[in-house]
Amino acid sequence: MSADALLATVRDFLDSAEIEYETGARDDEVVVSLPGEKKLRVVVSLVCGEDALSVSAFVVRNPDESHRDVYRFLLSRNLRLPGLAYAVDRSGDVFVTGRVPAAGVDADQLDRLLGVVLTAVDEPFNELLVLGFLTSMRKEWAWRVDRGESLRNLEAFRPILERPGDPPRAEG
């Protein structure tokens, strides 16, 4: 399959599935935006080559702390990722990446692939934040409480961030 034919297959699938996407920085790249549950939005890069479809998605920036625990957690999850793996770039940022043979790419394969990528990014997101950014999260929580700022995007972490005397969870 040519890169152009693969790109057409990818775009046809995304259009039929009504998945938001745009052309990437390269002519052979499509950037897909998927809604997450824990991570608000998962951005996936699909690069169409002559022999393979390459996929990558940003998971989390370089952890502030507990690198060993973060990487151990990710490596153990690699055992359960069909055709994908977590990787770290030069900056220490974490991605999930993979390559699929171009000949096997069809609508069903793309649906499965995007589902696995979404799960790989979204499912462990909160745990990765706790492992790699807990000190920063505690400082942010305290800063917001002290100033009466919204805690809405930190509510999922209330059980580990809440201090005696902090305001109760907002109703509504």
N, C-alpha and C. Protein backbone atom coordinates (compact mmCIF):
# COMPACT_ATOMS: atom_id res chain seq x y z
N MET A 1 0.85 -1.18 0.00
CA MET A 1 0.00 0.00 0.00
C MET A 1 0.90 1.24 0.00
N SER A 2 0.59 2.20 -0.84
CA SER A 2 1.37 3.43 -0.88
C SER A 2 1.01 4.30 0.32
N ALA A 3 1.89 5.24 0.61
CA ALA A 3 1.63 6.16 1.72
C ALA A 3 0.36 6.98 1.44
N ASP A 4 0.15 7.36 0.20
CA ASP A 4 -1.05 8.13 -0.16
C ASP A 4 -2.31 7.30 0.04
N ALA A 5 -2.27 6.02 -0.33
CA ALA A 5 -3.43 5.15 -0.15
C ALA A 5 -3.70 4.93 1.34
N LEU A 6 -2.65 4.78 2.12
CA LEU A 6 -2.79 4.61 3.56
C LEU A 6 -3.40 5.87 4.18
N LEU A 7 -2.92 7.02 3.77
CA LEU A 7 -3.45 8.29 4.25
C LEU A 7 -4.94 8.41 3.92
N ALA A 8 -5.32 8.02 2.71
CA ALA A 8 -6.73 8.06 2.31
C ALA A 8 -7.57 7.12 3.17
N THR A 9 -7.03 5.94 3.47
CA THR A 9 -7.74 4.98 4.34
C THR A 9 -7.96 5.58 5.73
N VAL A 10 -6.92 6.19 6.27
CA VAL A 10 -7.00 6.80 7.60
C VAL A 10 -8.04 7.92 7.60
N ARG A 11 -7.97 8.80 6.62
CA ARG A 11 -8.92 9.93 6.56
C ARG A 11 -10.35 9.45 6.36
N ASP A 12 -10.54 8.45 5.50
CA ASP A 12 -11.89 7.90 5.28
C ASP A 12 -12.46 7.35 6.58
N PHE A 13 -11.64 6.62 7.32
CA PHE A 13 -12.09 6.08 8.60
C PHE A 13 -12.47 7.20 9.57
N LEU A 14 -11.59 8.18 9.71
CA LEU A 14 -11.84 9.28 10.65
C LEU A 14 -13.10 10.06 10.27
N ASP A 15 -13.28 10.29 8.98
CA ASP A 15 -14.49 10.99 8.52
C ASP A 15 -15.74 10.18 8.83
N SER A 16 -15.71 8.88 8.53
CA SER A 16 -16.89 8.05 8.75
C SER A 16 -17.19 7.88 10.24
N ALA A 17 -16.15 7.88 11.07
CA ALA A 17 -16.33 7.75 12.51
C ALA A 17 -16.58 9.10 13.19
N GLU A 18 -16.55 10.18 12.39
CA GLU A 18 -16.75 11.53 12.90
C GLU A 18 -15.77 11.87 14.03
N ILE A 19 -14.51 11.50 13.80
CA ILE A 19 -13.44 11.80 14.75
C ILE A 19 -12.72 13.05 14.28
N GLU A 20 -12.55 14.01 15.19
CA GLU A 20 -11.89 15.27 14.88
C GLU A 20 -10.42 15.03 14.54
N TYR A 21 -9.96 15.64 13.44
CA TYR A 21 -8.54 15.53 13.07
C TYR A 21 -8.15 16.71 12.19
N GLU A 22 -6.83 16.86 12.02
CA GLU A 22 -6.29 17.87 11.13
C GLU A 22 -4.99 17.35 10.54
N THR A 23 -4.54 17.99 9.48
CA THR A 23 -3.27 17.63 8.88
C THR A 23 -2.16 18.03 9.83
N GLY A 24 -1.18 17.15 9.97
CA GLY A 24 -0.08 17.42 10.88
C GLY A 24 0.97 18.31 10.25
N ALA A 25 2.13 18.38 10.88
CA ALA A 25 3.23 19.20 10.40
C ALA A 25 3.80 18.67 9.08
N ARG A 26 3.59 17.39 8.84
CA ARG A 26 4.06 16.75 7.60
C ARG A 26 2.85 16.39 6.75
N ASP A 27 3.05 16.30 5.45
CA ASP A 27 1.96 15.96 4.53
C ASP A 27 1.38 14.57 4.80
N ASP A 28 2.20 13.67 5.32
CA ASP A 28 1.76 12.28 5.54
C ASP A 28 1.27 12.04 6.97
N GLU A 29 1.04 13.13 7.71
CA GLU A 29 0.64 13.02 9.11
C GLU A 29 -0.79 13.54 9.32
N VAL A 30 -1.54 12.81 10.13
CA VAL A 30 -2.85 13.22 10.57
C VAL A 30 -2.81 13.29 12.09
N VAL A 31 -3.34 14.37 12.66
CA VAL A 31 -3.36 14.54 14.11
C VAL A 31 -4.82 14.44 14.56
N VAL A 32 -5.07 13.47 15.42
CA VAL A 32 -6.41 13.13 15.88
C VAL A 32 -6.59 13.61 17.31
N SER A 33 -7.76 14.11 17.62
CA SER A 33 -8.08 14.54 18.97
C SER A 33 -9.19 13.65 19.50
N LEU A 34 -8.89 12.92 20.59
CA LEU A 34 -9.86 12.01 21.19
C LEU A 34 -10.23 12.50 22.59
N PRO A 35 -11.50 12.41 22.95
CA PRO A 35 -11.90 12.83 24.30
C PRO A 35 -11.53 11.78 25.33
N GLY A 36 -10.90 12.21 26.41
CA GLY A 36 -10.56 11.30 27.50
C GLY A 36 -11.49 11.49 28.67
N GLU A 37 -11.35 10.63 29.64
CA GLU A 37 -12.12 10.75 30.88
C GLU A 37 -11.26 11.38 31.98
N LYS A 38 -10.05 10.88 32.15
CA LYS A 38 -9.15 11.42 33.17
C LYS A 38 -8.29 12.54 32.59
N LYS A 39 -7.82 12.33 31.38
CA LYS A 39 -7.11 13.37 30.65
C LYS A 39 -8.11 13.96 29.68
N LEU A 40 -8.31 15.24 29.74
CA LEU A 40 -9.38 15.90 29.00
C LEU A 40 -9.36 15.56 27.51
N ARG A 41 -8.17 15.59 26.92
CA ARG A 41 -8.05 15.36 25.49
C ARG A 41 -6.77 14.59 25.21
N VAL A 42 -6.88 13.61 24.33
CA VAL A 42 -5.72 12.81 23.94
C VAL A 42 -5.44 13.12 22.48
N VAL A 43 -4.25 13.64 22.21
CA VAL A 43 -3.85 14.00 20.85
C VAL A 43 -2.95 12.89 20.31
N VAL A 44 -3.34 12.35 19.16
CA VAL A 44 -2.64 11.21 18.57
C VAL A 44 -2.12 11.60 17.19
N SER A 45 -0.85 11.31 16.94
CA SER A 45 -0.24 11.54 15.63
C SER A 45 -0.21 10.21 14.88
N LEU A 46 -0.74 10.23 13.66
CA LEU A 46 -0.69 9.07 12.77
C LEU A 46 0.13 9.47 11.54
N VAL A 47 1.25 8.80 11.33
CA VAL A 47 2.11 9.10 10.19
C VAL A 47 2.05 7.92 9.22
N CYS A 48 1.65 8.23 8.00
CA CYS A 48 1.44 7.21 6.98
C CYS A 48 2.68 7.05 6.12
N GLY A 49 3.30 5.88 6.18
CA GLY A 49 4.48 5.58 5.37
C GLY A 49 4.18 4.52 4.33
N GLU A 50 5.17 4.20 3.55
CA GLU A 50 5.00 3.18 2.51
C GLU A 50 4.74 1.80 3.12
N ASP A 51 5.42 1.51 4.22
CA ASP A 51 5.35 0.17 4.81
C ASP A 51 4.57 0.09 6.11
N ALA A 52 4.38 1.23 6.76
CA ALA A 52 3.77 1.18 8.09
C ALA A 52 3.04 2.47 8.44
N LEU A 53 2.13 2.33 9.38
CA LEU A 53 1.46 3.46 10.00
C LEU A 53 2.09 3.62 11.38
N SER A 54 2.70 4.77 11.62
CA SER A 54 3.31 5.05 12.93
C SER A 54 2.32 5.86 13.75
N VAL A 55 2.24 5.52 15.02
CA VAL A 55 1.31 6.19 15.92
C VAL A 55 2.07 6.65 17.15
N SER A 56 1.74 7.85 17.64
CA SER A 56 2.32 8.31 18.90
C SER A 56 1.34 9.28 19.55
N ALA A 57 1.36 9.27 20.88
CA ALA A 57 0.50 10.17 21.65
C ALA A 57 1.24 10.58 22.91
N PHE A 58 1.15 11.84 23.23
CA PHE A 58 1.75 12.37 24.45
C PHE A 58 0.97 11.85 25.65
N VAL A 59 1.69 11.37 26.67
CA VAL A 59 1.05 10.87 27.88
C VAL A 59 1.17 11.89 29.00
N VAL A 60 2.40 12.24 29.36
CA VAL A 60 2.64 13.16 30.48
C VAL A 60 4.04 13.75 30.33
N ARG A 61 4.22 14.96 30.82
CA ARG A 61 5.55 15.57 30.74
C ARG A 61 6.52 14.88 31.71
N ASN A 62 7.77 15.21 31.58
CA ASN A 62 8.82 14.65 32.42
C ASN A 62 8.42 14.80 33.89
N PRO A 63 8.33 13.69 34.61
CA PRO A 63 7.93 13.77 36.02
C PRO A 63 8.87 14.66 36.83
N ASP A 64 8.29 15.34 37.81
CA ASP A 64 9.09 16.18 38.71
C ASP A 64 9.83 15.34 39.74
N GLU A 65 9.30 14.16 40.04
CA GLU A 65 9.83 13.33 41.13
C GLU A 65 9.53 11.86 40.86
N SER A 66 10.14 11.01 41.62
CA SER A 66 9.87 9.57 41.60
C SER A 66 9.97 8.95 40.21
N HIS A 67 11.00 9.35 39.46
CA HIS A 67 11.18 8.83 38.11
C HIS A 67 11.20 7.30 38.08
N ARG A 68 11.91 6.72 39.01
CA ARG A 68 12.01 5.26 39.04
C ARG A 68 10.63 4.62 39.16
N ASP A 69 9.79 5.14 40.05
CA ASP A 69 8.44 4.59 40.23
C ASP A 69 7.58 4.79 38.99
N VAL A 70 7.70 5.96 38.37
CA VAL A 70 6.93 6.23 37.16
C VAL A 70 7.35 5.26 36.05
N TYR A 71 8.64 5.12 35.84
CA TYR A 71 9.11 4.26 34.75
C TYR A 71 8.81 2.78 35.03
N ARG A 72 8.91 2.36 36.26
CA ARG A 72 8.55 0.98 36.61
C ARG A 72 7.07 0.73 36.32
N PHE A 73 6.24 1.68 36.70
CA PHE A 73 4.80 1.58 36.44
C PHE A 73 4.54 1.47 34.93
N LEU A 74 5.18 2.33 34.15
CA LEU A 74 4.97 2.31 32.70
C LEU A 74 5.51 1.02 32.07
N LEU A 75 6.67 0.57 32.50
CA LEU A 75 7.23 -0.66 31.94
C LEU A 75 6.34 -1.86 32.25
N SER A 76 5.75 -1.89 33.41
CA SER A 76 4.84 -3.00 33.72
C SER A 76 3.59 -2.94 32.86
N ARG A 77 3.14 -1.75 32.52
CA ARG A 77 1.99 -1.59 31.63
C ARG A 77 2.34 -1.97 30.19
N ASN A 78 3.60 -1.83 29.81
CA ASN A 78 4.02 -2.22 28.45
C ASN A 78 3.68 -3.68 28.16
N LEU A 79 3.68 -4.50 29.18
CA LEU A 79 3.38 -5.93 29.00
C LEU A 79 1.95 -6.16 28.52
N ARG A 80 1.07 -5.19 28.75
CA ARG A 80 -0.34 -5.33 28.38
C ARG A 80 -0.75 -4.53 27.15
N LEU A 81 0.19 -3.87 26.50
CA LEU A 81 -0.13 -3.02 25.36
C LEU A 81 0.10 -3.76 24.05
N PRO A 82 -0.95 -4.13 23.35
CA PRO A 82 -0.76 -4.83 22.07
C PRO A 82 -0.26 -3.89 20.97
N GLY A 83 0.98 -4.09 20.54
CA GLY A 83 1.54 -3.33 19.43
C GLY A 83 2.01 -1.93 19.76
N LEU A 84 1.94 -1.55 21.01
CA LEU A 84 2.36 -0.22 21.43
C LEU A 84 3.30 -0.34 22.62
N ALA A 85 3.98 0.76 22.93
CA ALA A 85 4.84 0.77 24.11
C ALA A 85 5.00 2.21 24.59
N TYR A 86 5.23 2.36 25.88
CA TYR A 86 5.55 3.67 26.43
C TYR A 86 7.01 3.95 26.13
N ALA A 87 7.31 5.22 25.86
CA ALA A 87 8.67 5.63 25.55
C ALA A 87 8.90 7.02 26.15
N VAL A 88 10.16 7.37 26.31
CA VAL A 88 10.55 8.66 26.87
C VAL A 88 11.41 9.37 25.84
N ASP A 89 11.12 10.66 25.58
CA ASP A 89 11.94 11.41 24.64
C ASP A 89 13.13 12.05 25.35
N ARG A 90 13.93 12.83 24.64
CA ARG A 90 15.13 13.45 25.20
C ARG A 90 14.83 14.37 26.38
N SER A 91 13.65 14.96 26.38
CA SER A 91 13.26 15.86 27.47
C SER A 91 12.72 15.12 28.68
N GLY A 92 12.51 13.80 28.54
CA GLY A 92 11.94 13.01 29.62
C GLY A 92 10.43 12.92 29.56
N ASP A 93 9.82 13.54 28.54
CA ASP A 93 8.37 13.45 28.37
C ASP A 93 7.99 12.04 27.94
N VAL A 94 6.83 11.58 28.39
CA VAL A 94 6.38 10.21 28.14
C VAL A 94 5.38 10.19 27.00
N PHE A 95 5.57 9.26 26.08
CA PHE A 95 4.68 9.04 24.95
C PHE A 95 4.31 7.57 24.90
N VAL A 96 3.24 7.25 24.18
CA VAL A 96 2.95 5.88 23.80
C VAL A 96 3.13 5.85 22.29
N THR A 97 3.85 4.84 21.79
CA THR A 97 4.17 4.78 20.37
C THR A 97 3.99 3.37 19.82
N GLY A 98 3.92 3.29 18.51
CA GLY A 98 3.84 1.99 17.86
C GLY A 98 3.88 2.12 16.35
N ARG A 99 4.01 0.96 15.69
CA ARG A 99 3.99 0.89 14.22
C ARG A 99 3.14 -0.31 13.82
N VAL A 100 2.28 -0.08 12.83
CA VAL A 100 1.40 -1.12 12.32
C VAL A 100 1.73 -1.30 10.84
N PRO A 101 1.90 -2.55 10.38
CA PRO A 101 2.15 -2.75 8.95
C PRO A 101 1.04 -2.12 8.11
N ALA A 102 1.41 -1.38 7.08
CA ALA A 102 0.45 -0.68 6.24
C ALA A 102 -0.56 -1.64 5.62
N ALA A 103 -0.12 -2.82 5.25
CA ALA A 103 -1.00 -3.78 4.57
C ALA A 103 -2.18 -4.20 5.44
N GLY A 104 -2.05 -4.13 6.75
CA GLY A 104 -3.12 -4.57 7.63
C GLY A 104 -4.05 -3.46 8.10
N VAL A 105 -3.83 -2.24 7.63
CA VAL A 105 -4.61 -1.11 8.12
C VAL A 105 -5.94 -1.02 7.38
N ASP A 106 -7.01 -1.14 8.15
CA ASP A 106 -8.36 -0.93 7.65
C ASP A 106 -9.17 -0.27 8.76
N ALA A 107 -10.46 -0.06 8.53
CA ALA A 107 -11.29 0.64 9.52
C ALA A 107 -11.29 -0.08 10.87
N ASP A 108 -11.42 -1.40 10.86
CA ASP A 108 -11.43 -2.14 12.13
C ASP A 108 -10.11 -2.00 12.88
N GLN A 109 -9.00 -2.10 12.14
CA GLN A 109 -7.68 -1.97 12.75
C GLN A 109 -7.49 -0.57 13.33
N LEU A 110 -7.91 0.46 12.60
CA LEU A 110 -7.79 1.83 13.08
C LEU A 110 -8.63 2.06 14.32
N ASP A 111 -9.82 1.49 14.34
CA ASP A 111 -10.70 1.62 15.51
C ASP A 111 -10.05 0.99 16.73
N ARG A 112 -9.51 -0.22 16.57
CA ARG A 112 -8.82 -0.89 17.68
C ARG A 112 -7.59 -0.11 18.12
N LEU A 113 -6.81 0.35 17.15
CA LEU A 113 -5.57 1.07 17.44
C LEU A 113 -5.85 2.34 18.24
N LEU A 114 -6.80 3.13 17.78
CA LEU A 114 -7.12 4.37 18.50
C LEU A 114 -7.70 4.08 19.88
N GLY A 115 -8.46 3.00 19.99
CA GLY A 115 -8.99 2.61 21.29
C GLY A 115 -7.89 2.23 22.26
N VAL A 116 -6.90 1.48 21.79
CA VAL A 116 -5.78 1.08 22.65
C VAL A 116 -4.95 2.30 23.04
N VAL A 117 -4.71 3.20 22.08
CA VAL A 117 -3.94 4.41 22.39
C VAL A 117 -4.68 5.26 23.42
N LEU A 118 -5.97 5.45 23.22
CA LEU A 118 -6.77 6.24 24.17
C LEU A 118 -6.69 5.63 25.57
N THR A 119 -6.87 4.33 25.66
CA THR A 119 -6.79 3.65 26.95
C THR A 119 -5.40 3.78 27.57
N ALA A 120 -4.35 3.63 26.75
CA ALA A 120 -2.98 3.69 27.24
C ALA A 120 -2.62 5.07 27.79
N VAL A 121 -3.23 6.10 27.24
CA VAL A 121 -2.95 7.46 27.70
C VAL A 121 -3.88 7.85 28.85
N ASP A 122 -5.16 7.57 28.70
CA ASP A 122 -6.16 8.06 29.64
C ASP A 122 -6.23 7.25 30.93
N GLU A 123 -6.23 5.95 30.83
CA GLU A 123 -6.44 5.09 32.01
C GLU A 123 -5.43 5.32 33.14
N PRO A 124 -4.12 5.40 32.85
CA PRO A 124 -3.15 5.57 33.94
C PRO A 124 -2.85 7.03 34.30
N PHE A 125 -3.55 7.97 33.67
CA PHE A 125 -3.18 9.38 33.78
C PHE A 125 -3.13 9.87 35.23
N ASN A 126 -4.19 9.64 35.99
CA ASN A 126 -4.21 10.13 37.38
C ASN A 126 -3.12 9.48 38.22
N GLU A 127 -2.92 8.19 38.03
CA GLU A 127 -1.87 7.52 38.80
C GLU A 127 -0.49 8.07 38.45
N LEU A 128 -0.26 8.37 37.17
CA LEU A 128 1.01 8.96 36.77
C LEU A 128 1.20 10.34 37.39
N LEU A 129 0.12 11.12 37.47
CA LEU A 129 0.23 12.43 38.12
C LEU A 129 0.61 12.29 39.58
N VAL A 130 0.00 11.34 40.27
CA VAL A 130 0.31 11.13 41.69
C VAL A 130 1.75 10.65 41.85
N LEU A 131 2.17 9.72 41.02
CA LEU A 131 3.53 9.20 41.12
C LEU A 131 4.58 10.27 40.82
N GLY A 132 4.36 11.06 39.79
CA GLY A 132 5.40 11.96 39.31
C GLY A 132 5.28 13.42 39.69
N PHE A 133 4.13 13.81 40.26
CA PHE A 133 3.91 15.24 40.50
C PHE A 133 3.22 15.53 41.83
N LEU A 134 3.27 14.62 42.78
CA LEU A 134 2.52 14.77 44.03
C LEU A 134 2.92 16.03 44.80
N THR A 135 4.17 16.33 44.90
CA THR A 135 4.61 17.52 45.63
C THR A 135 4.03 18.79 44.99
N SER A 136 4.09 18.87 43.68
CA SER A 136 3.52 20.03 42.97
C SER A 136 2.01 20.10 43.15
N MET A 137 1.36 18.95 43.13
CA MET A 137 -0.09 18.93 43.32
C MET A 137 -0.46 19.40 44.71
N ARG A 138 0.30 19.00 45.72
CA ARG A 138 0.03 19.45 47.09
C ARG A 138 0.20 20.96 47.22
N LYS A 139 1.24 21.50 46.59
CA LYS A 139 1.45 22.96 46.61
C LYS A 139 0.30 23.68 45.90
N GLU A 140 -0.11 23.15 44.76
CA GLU A 140 -1.22 23.75 44.01
C GLU A 140 -2.51 23.72 44.82
N TRP A 141 -2.79 22.59 45.47
CA TRP A 141 -3.99 22.46 46.30
C TRP A 141 -3.97 23.52 47.42
N ALA A 142 -2.86 23.60 48.13
CA ALA A 142 -2.75 24.55 49.24
C ALA A 142 -2.90 25.98 48.73
N TRP A 143 -2.28 26.31 47.62
CA TRP A 143 -2.37 27.65 47.04
C TRP A 143 -3.82 27.99 46.72
N ARG A 144 -4.52 27.04 46.09
CA ARG A 144 -5.93 27.29 45.72
C ARG A 144 -6.82 27.43 46.95
N VAL A 145 -6.63 26.56 47.94
CA VAL A 145 -7.45 26.64 49.15
C VAL A 145 -7.20 27.97 49.86
N ASP A 146 -5.94 28.35 50.02
CA ASP A 146 -5.59 29.58 50.72
C ASP A 146 -6.17 30.83 50.04
N ARG A 147 -6.34 30.78 48.74
CA ARG A 147 -6.85 31.93 47.98
C ARG A 147 -8.33 31.80 47.60
N GLY A 148 -8.95 30.71 48.00
CA GLY A 148 -10.36 30.52 47.68
C GLY A 148 -10.61 30.20 46.21
N GLU A 149 -9.60 29.70 45.53
CA GLU A 149 -9.72 29.35 44.11
C GLU A 149 -10.45 28.01 43.95
N SER A 150 -10.92 27.77 42.75
CA SER A 150 -11.62 26.52 42.43
C SER A 150 -10.69 25.31 42.58
N LEU A 151 -11.25 24.25 43.13
CA LEU A 151 -10.52 22.98 43.27
C LEU A 151 -11.03 21.95 42.27
N ARG A 152 -11.88 22.38 41.35
CA ARG A 152 -12.60 21.46 40.47
C ARG A 152 -11.69 20.45 39.77
N ASN A 153 -10.61 20.90 39.15
CA ASN A 153 -9.78 19.95 38.41
C ASN A 153 -8.84 19.13 39.30
N LEU A 154 -8.89 19.38 40.60
CA LEU A 154 -8.09 18.57 41.54
C LEU A 154 -8.97 17.67 42.41
N GLU A 155 -10.28 17.73 42.23
CA GLU A 155 -11.21 16.96 43.07
C GLU A 155 -10.92 15.46 43.06
N ALA A 156 -10.50 14.92 41.93
CA ALA A 156 -10.21 13.48 41.85
C ALA A 156 -9.09 13.09 42.82
N PHE A 157 -8.31 14.07 43.22
CA PHE A 157 -7.16 13.80 44.09
C PHE A 157 -7.41 14.25 45.53
N ARG A 158 -8.61 14.70 45.82
CA ARG A 158 -8.95 15.21 47.17
C ARG A 158 -8.51 14.26 48.28
N PRO A 159 -8.77 12.95 48.16
CA PRO A 159 -8.41 12.05 49.27
C PRO A 159 -6.92 12.09 49.66
N ILE A 160 -6.04 12.40 48.71
CA ILE A 160 -4.61 12.45 49.06
C ILE A 160 -4.08 13.87 49.24
N LEU A 161 -4.86 14.87 48.83
CA LEU A 161 -4.40 16.25 48.92
C LEU A 161 -5.04 17.03 50.07
N GLU A 162 -6.23 16.63 50.48
CA GLU A 162 -6.99 17.38 51.47
C GLU A 162 -6.27 17.44 52.80
N ARG A 163 -6.34 18.63 53.41
CA ARG A 163 -5.73 18.86 54.72
C ARG A 163 -6.84 19.15 55.72
N PRO A 164 -6.62 18.92 56.99
CA PRO A 164 -7.65 19.27 57.98
C PRO A 164 -8.02 20.74 57.84
N GLY A 165 -9.31 21.02 57.83
CA GLY A 165 -9.79 22.38 57.73
C GLY A 165 -10.05 22.87 56.32
N ASP A 166 -9.67 22.08 55.30
CA ASP A 166 -9.96 22.47 53.91
C ASP A 166 -11.46 22.48 53.68
N PRO A 167 -11.93 23.30 52.74
CA PRO A 167 -13.37 23.34 52.48
C PRO A 167 -13.87 22.00 51.94
N PRO A 168 -15.12 21.66 52.24
CA PRO A 168 -15.69 20.40 51.75
C PRO A 168 -15.87 20.46 50.24
N ARG A 169 -16.06 19.27 49.66
CA ARG A 169 -16.31 19.16 48.23
C ARG A 169 -17.52 20.02 47.86
N ALA A 170 -17.38 20.77 46.77
CA ALA A 170 -18.49 21.61 46.30
C ALA A 170 -19.60 20.73 45.73
N GLU A 171 -20.81 21.06 46.06
CA GLU A 171 -21.97 20.32 45.53
C GLU A 171 -22.32 20.89 44.18
N GLY A 172 -22.86 20.01 43.33
CA GLY A 172 -23.34 20.52 42.06
C GLY A 172 -22.65 19.91 40.96
